[in-house]
Amino acid sequence: GRPVVSTPIRDVVRPYGAEGLVRIADGVGAFVAACEATLAETARERAAWRVKVDAALSRMSWDRTWEAMARLVDRAVAERLGFGAPAAAEAAVTAVTAVTAAGAE
């Protein structure tokens, strides 16, 4: 891992900026200052940052993100197709997900 300085993109600010994993800079001067601050970090500061980043990233995965997004899309489609209440749509999504997963094996 390398330190990151980002512009204030909402999906980066929260959670990465809020957790201190990424420096957030709004504007040219702030971006340069954040880069300079990053370059000035001591080896101890960098090591502590890396431990924090590794711990945060170990709780995340693109697979989980994709699964959550796919579930939201499937639920919206099920509701639109007339499965009615969110609970019914959720049951339909669960059934389709199970069938799809079984077919992938």
N, C-alpha and C. Protein backbone atom coordinates (compact mmCIF):
# COMPACT_ATOMS: atom_id res chain seq x y z
N GLY A 1 0.75 -1.18 0.00
CA GLY A 1 0.00 0.00 0.00
C GLY A 1 0.81 1.28 0.00
N ARG A 2 0.38 2.15 -0.81
CA ARG A 2 0.94 3.50 -0.89
C ARG A 2 -0.08 4.49 -0.35
N PRO A 3 0.39 5.54 0.27
CA PRO A 3 -0.52 6.59 0.74
C PRO A 3 -1.26 7.22 -0.45
N VAL A 4 -2.47 7.65 -0.17
CA VAL A 4 -3.31 8.23 -1.22
C VAL A 4 -3.79 9.61 -0.79
N VAL A 5 -3.76 10.55 -1.73
CA VAL A 5 -4.37 11.86 -1.55
C VAL A 5 -5.46 11.93 -2.61
N SER A 6 -6.66 12.27 -2.20
CA SER A 6 -7.80 12.30 -3.12
C SER A 6 -8.50 13.65 -3.05
N THR A 7 -9.14 13.99 -4.14
CA THR A 7 -10.06 15.11 -4.11
C THR A 7 -11.30 14.64 -3.34
N PRO A 8 -12.17 15.54 -2.91
CA PRO A 8 -13.29 15.15 -2.06
C PRO A 8 -14.45 14.45 -2.79
N ILE A 9 -14.15 13.28 -3.30
CA ILE A 9 -15.18 12.44 -3.92
C ILE A 9 -15.95 11.79 -2.77
N ARG A 10 -17.27 11.90 -2.80
CA ARG A 10 -18.10 11.44 -1.68
C ARG A 10 -17.78 10.02 -1.24
N ASP A 11 -17.64 9.10 -2.19
CA ASP A 11 -17.39 7.70 -1.84
C ASP A 11 -15.97 7.45 -1.34
N VAL A 12 -15.10 8.43 -1.47
CA VAL A 12 -13.75 8.32 -0.91
C VAL A 12 -13.71 9.01 0.45
N VAL A 13 -14.35 10.18 0.53
CA VAL A 13 -14.38 10.91 1.79
C VAL A 13 -14.93 10.03 2.89
N ARG A 14 -16.03 9.35 2.57
CA ARG A 14 -16.62 8.44 3.53
C ARG A 14 -16.66 7.07 2.90
N PRO A 15 -15.93 6.10 3.34
CA PRO A 15 -15.35 5.96 4.66
C PRO A 15 -13.86 6.26 4.73
N TYR A 16 -13.15 6.23 3.60
CA TYR A 16 -11.69 6.25 3.63
C TYR A 16 -11.10 7.51 4.26
N GLY A 17 -11.61 8.67 3.89
CA GLY A 17 -11.12 9.91 4.49
C GLY A 17 -11.50 10.02 5.95
N ALA A 18 -12.74 9.66 6.26
CA ALA A 18 -13.23 9.75 7.64
C ALA A 18 -12.45 8.84 8.58
N GLU A 19 -11.97 7.72 8.06
CA GLU A 19 -11.21 6.78 8.89
C GLU A 19 -9.71 7.08 8.89
N GLY A 20 -9.30 8.12 8.17
CA GLY A 20 -7.88 8.47 8.13
C GLY A 20 -7.05 7.55 7.26
N LEU A 21 -7.68 6.89 6.32
CA LEU A 21 -6.97 5.97 5.43
C LEU A 21 -6.44 6.69 4.20
N VAL A 22 -7.10 7.80 3.86
CA VAL A 22 -6.77 8.59 2.68
C VAL A 22 -6.82 10.06 3.09
N ARG A 23 -5.88 10.85 2.60
CA ARG A 23 -5.95 12.29 2.84
C ARG A 23 -6.87 12.89 1.78
N ILE A 24 -7.73 13.78 2.23
CA ILE A 24 -8.68 14.43 1.33
C ILE A 24 -8.27 15.89 1.18
N ALA A 25 -8.21 16.35 -0.07
CA ALA A 25 -7.79 17.72 -0.32
C ALA A 25 -8.72 18.37 -1.34
N ASP A 26 -9.22 19.54 -0.99
CA ASP A 26 -10.11 20.27 -1.87
C ASP A 26 -9.38 21.50 -2.39
N GLY A 27 -8.98 21.46 -3.63
CA GLY A 27 -8.26 22.58 -4.25
C GLY A 27 -6.78 22.27 -4.42
N VAL A 28 -6.17 23.04 -5.28
CA VAL A 28 -4.76 22.82 -5.63
C VAL A 28 -3.85 22.96 -4.42
N GLY A 29 -3.99 24.05 -3.68
CA GLY A 29 -3.11 24.29 -2.53
C GLY A 29 -3.24 23.21 -1.49
N ALA A 30 -4.47 22.81 -1.20
CA ALA A 30 -4.69 21.75 -0.21
C ALA A 30 -4.14 20.42 -0.70
N PHE A 31 -4.25 20.17 -2.01
CA PHE A 31 -3.73 18.92 -2.55
C PHE A 31 -2.21 18.86 -2.43
N VAL A 32 -1.55 19.96 -2.77
CA VAL A 32 -0.09 20.02 -2.65
C VAL A 32 0.31 19.86 -1.19
N ALA A 33 -0.38 20.54 -0.28
CA ALA A 33 -0.06 20.43 1.15
C ALA A 33 -0.25 19.01 1.66
N ALA A 34 -1.30 18.34 1.21
CA ALA A 34 -1.54 16.96 1.64
C ALA A 34 -0.45 16.03 1.11
N CYS A 35 -0.03 16.25 -0.11
CA CYS A 35 1.07 15.45 -0.68
C CYS A 35 2.36 15.69 0.09
N GLU A 36 2.64 16.94 0.41
CA GLU A 36 3.85 17.26 1.18
C GLU A 36 3.80 16.63 2.56
N ALA A 37 2.64 16.67 3.20
CA ALA A 37 2.50 16.07 4.52
C ALA A 37 2.71 14.55 4.45
N THR A 38 2.21 13.95 3.41
CA THR A 38 2.38 12.51 3.22
C THR A 38 3.86 12.17 3.03
N LEU A 39 4.53 12.95 2.21
CA LEU A 39 5.96 12.71 1.97
C LEU A 39 6.82 12.94 3.21
N ALA A 40 6.33 13.76 4.12
CA ALA A 40 7.08 14.08 5.34
C ALA A 40 6.84 13.08 6.48
N GLU A 41 5.95 12.13 6.30
CA GLU A 41 5.67 11.16 7.36
C GLU A 41 6.92 10.35 7.71
N THR A 42 7.02 10.03 8.98
CA THR A 42 8.13 9.20 9.44
C THR A 42 7.81 7.73 9.13
N ALA A 43 8.83 6.90 9.23
CA ALA A 43 8.63 5.46 9.01
C ALA A 43 7.63 4.90 10.02
N ARG A 44 7.68 5.39 11.25
CA ARG A 44 6.75 4.92 12.28
C ARG A 44 5.31 5.32 11.94
N GLU A 45 5.13 6.57 11.50
CA GLU A 45 3.79 7.02 11.12
C GLU A 45 3.27 6.21 9.93
N ARG A 46 4.15 5.97 8.98
CA ARG A 46 3.74 5.19 7.79
C ARG A 46 3.37 3.77 8.17
N ALA A 47 4.12 3.17 9.07
CA ALA A 47 3.83 1.79 9.51
C ALA A 47 2.48 1.73 10.24
N ALA A 48 2.21 2.72 11.08
CA ALA A 48 0.93 2.76 11.81
C ALA A 48 -0.23 2.93 10.83
N TRP A 49 -0.03 3.78 9.83
CA TRP A 49 -1.05 3.99 8.81
C TRP A 49 -1.31 2.69 8.05
N ARG A 50 -0.24 1.99 7.69
CA ARG A 50 -0.38 0.76 6.92
C ARG A 50 -1.17 -0.30 7.71
N VAL A 51 -0.90 -0.40 9.01
CA VAL A 51 -1.64 -1.36 9.85
C VAL A 51 -3.13 -1.01 9.83
N LYS A 52 -3.44 0.28 9.96
CA LYS A 52 -4.84 0.73 9.96
C LYS A 52 -5.51 0.45 8.61
N VAL A 53 -4.80 0.73 7.54
CA VAL A 53 -5.34 0.50 6.19
C VAL A 53 -5.56 -0.98 5.95
N ASP A 54 -4.57 -1.80 6.30
CA ASP A 54 -4.70 -3.24 6.10
C ASP A 54 -5.89 -3.80 6.86
N ALA A 55 -6.09 -3.33 8.09
CA ALA A 55 -7.23 -3.80 8.89
C ALA A 55 -8.55 -3.40 8.23
N ALA A 56 -8.63 -2.17 7.75
CA ALA A 56 -9.87 -1.71 7.10
C ALA A 56 -10.13 -2.49 5.81
N LEU A 57 -9.11 -2.69 5.01
CA LEU A 57 -9.29 -3.39 3.74
C LEU A 57 -9.61 -4.87 3.94
N SER A 58 -9.16 -5.44 5.04
CA SER A 58 -9.46 -6.85 5.29
C SER A 58 -10.95 -7.07 5.55
N ARG A 59 -11.66 -6.01 5.91
CA ARG A 59 -13.11 -6.09 6.15
C ARG A 59 -13.92 -5.82 4.89
N MET A 60 -13.24 -5.53 3.78
CA MET A 60 -13.94 -5.17 2.54
C MET A 60 -13.55 -6.16 1.44
N SER A 61 -14.45 -6.29 0.49
CA SER A 61 -14.10 -7.05 -0.72
C SER A 61 -15.02 -6.60 -1.84
N TRP A 62 -14.51 -6.66 -3.05
CA TRP A 62 -15.33 -6.31 -4.20
C TRP A 62 -16.45 -7.32 -4.38
N ASP A 63 -16.18 -8.58 -4.01
CA ASP A 63 -17.23 -9.59 -4.12
C ASP A 63 -18.41 -9.25 -3.24
N ARG A 64 -18.16 -8.85 -2.00
CA ARG A 64 -19.26 -8.48 -1.10
C ARG A 64 -19.97 -7.23 -1.60
N THR A 65 -19.21 -6.27 -2.10
CA THR A 65 -19.82 -5.05 -2.64
C THR A 65 -20.71 -5.39 -3.82
N TRP A 66 -20.21 -6.22 -4.74
CA TRP A 66 -20.99 -6.62 -5.90
C TRP A 66 -22.24 -7.37 -5.47
N GLU A 67 -22.12 -8.30 -4.53
CA GLU A 67 -23.28 -9.06 -4.06
C GLU A 67 -24.35 -8.14 -3.47
N ALA A 68 -23.93 -7.17 -2.68
CA ALA A 68 -24.89 -6.23 -2.08
C ALA A 68 -25.58 -5.40 -3.16
N MET A 69 -24.82 -4.92 -4.13
CA MET A 69 -25.41 -4.12 -5.21
C MET A 69 -26.34 -4.97 -6.07
N ALA A 70 -25.93 -6.19 -6.39
CA ALA A 70 -26.77 -7.08 -7.20
C ALA A 70 -28.08 -7.38 -6.47
N ARG A 71 -28.00 -7.56 -5.17
CA ARG A 71 -29.21 -7.83 -4.38
C ARG A 71 -30.17 -6.62 -4.43
N LEU A 72 -29.62 -5.42 -4.33
CA LEU A 72 -30.46 -4.22 -4.42
C LEU A 72 -31.14 -4.11 -5.79
N VAL A 73 -30.38 -4.38 -6.84
CA VAL A 73 -30.94 -4.33 -8.20
C VAL A 73 -32.01 -5.40 -8.35
N ASP A 74 -31.71 -6.62 -7.90
CA ASP A 74 -32.69 -7.71 -8.00
C ASP A 74 -33.96 -7.39 -7.23
N ARG A 75 -33.81 -6.80 -6.05
CA ARG A 75 -34.99 -6.44 -5.25
C ARG A 75 -35.84 -5.40 -5.99
N ALA A 76 -35.18 -4.40 -6.58
CA ALA A 76 -35.92 -3.36 -7.31
C ALA A 76 -36.65 -3.96 -8.51
N VAL A 77 -36.00 -4.88 -9.21
CA VAL A 77 -36.64 -5.53 -10.35
C VAL A 77 -37.83 -6.36 -9.89
N ALA A 78 -37.65 -7.12 -8.81
CA ALA A 78 -38.73 -7.95 -8.28
C ALA A 78 -39.93 -7.09 -7.88
N GLU A 79 -39.67 -5.96 -7.24
CA GLU A 79 -40.75 -5.06 -6.84
C GLU A 79 -41.45 -4.50 -8.07
N ARG A 80 -40.67 -4.14 -9.07
CA ARG A 80 -41.25 -3.57 -10.29
C ARG A 80 -42.07 -4.61 -11.06
N LEU A 81 -41.69 -5.87 -10.98
CA LEU A 81 -42.41 -6.93 -11.68
C LEU A 81 -43.68 -7.35 -10.96
N GLY A 82 -43.93 -6.73 -9.81
CA GLY A 82 -45.19 -6.97 -9.15
C GLY A 82 -45.17 -7.98 -8.02
N PHE A 83 -44.02 -8.25 -7.46
CA PHE A 83 -43.98 -9.15 -6.32
C PHE A 83 -44.49 -8.46 -5.06
N GLY A 84 -44.88 -7.19 -5.21
CA GLY A 84 -45.54 -6.49 -4.12
C GLY A 84 -44.62 -5.95 -3.06
N ALA A 85 -44.95 -6.27 -1.83
CA ALA A 85 -44.24 -5.73 -0.67
C ALA A 85 -42.77 -6.12 -0.70
N PRO A 86 -41.92 -5.32 -0.07
CA PRO A 86 -40.49 -5.64 -0.04
C PRO A 86 -40.19 -7.04 0.48
N ALA A 87 -40.97 -7.54 1.43
CA ALA A 87 -40.72 -8.89 1.96
C ALA A 87 -40.93 -9.94 0.87
N ALA A 88 -41.98 -9.77 0.07
CA ALA A 88 -42.23 -10.71 -1.02
C ALA A 88 -41.15 -10.61 -2.08
N ALA A 89 -40.75 -9.39 -2.38
CA ALA A 89 -39.67 -9.19 -3.35
C ALA A 89 -38.39 -9.81 -2.84
N GLU A 90 -38.12 -9.65 -1.55
CA GLU A 90 -36.91 -10.23 -0.96
C GLU A 90 -36.94 -11.75 -1.07
N ALA A 91 -38.11 -12.36 -0.82
CA ALA A 91 -38.24 -13.82 -0.95
C ALA A 91 -37.98 -14.26 -2.38
N ALA A 92 -38.49 -13.50 -3.34
CA ALA A 92 -38.26 -13.83 -4.76
C ALA A 92 -36.79 -13.73 -5.10
N VAL A 93 -36.12 -12.68 -4.61
CA VAL A 93 -34.70 -12.49 -4.87
C VAL A 93 -33.91 -13.64 -4.25
N THR A 94 -34.25 -14.03 -3.03
CA THR A 94 -33.55 -15.12 -2.36
C THR A 94 -33.69 -16.41 -3.16
N ALA A 95 -34.88 -16.69 -3.67
CA ALA A 95 -35.11 -17.89 -4.47
C ALA A 95 -34.28 -17.86 -5.76
N VAL A 96 -34.30 -16.74 -6.45
CA VAL A 96 -33.54 -16.60 -7.69
C VAL A 96 -32.05 -16.71 -7.41
N THR A 97 -31.58 -16.08 -6.34
CA THR A 97 -30.16 -16.14 -5.98
C THR A 97 -29.74 -17.57 -5.71
N ALA A 98 -30.57 -18.34 -5.00
CA ALA A 98 -30.25 -19.73 -4.69
C ALA A 98 -30.16 -20.56 -5.97
N VAL A 99 -31.10 -20.38 -6.88
CA VAL A 99 -31.10 -21.11 -8.13
C VAL A 99 -29.88 -20.74 -8.97
N THR A 100 -29.59 -19.44 -9.03
CA THR A 100 -28.43 -18.97 -9.78
C THR A 100 -27.14 -19.53 -9.22
N ALA A 101 -27.01 -19.51 -7.90
CA ALA A 101 -25.81 -20.02 -7.24
C ALA A 101 -25.65 -21.52 -7.48
N ALA A 102 -26.75 -22.26 -7.44
CA ALA A 102 -26.70 -23.70 -7.68
C ALA A 102 -26.27 -24.00 -9.10
N GLY A 103 -26.73 -23.18 -10.03
CA GLY A 103 -26.34 -23.39 -11.44
C GLY A 103 -24.89 -23.07 -11.70
N ALA A 104 -24.28 -22.22 -10.87
CA ALA A 104 -22.89 -21.82 -11.08
C ALA A 104 -21.93 -22.88 -10.55
N GLU A 105 -22.44 -23.80 -9.75
CA GLU A 105 -21.55 -24.80 -9.14
C GLU A 105 -21.24 -25.93 -10.05
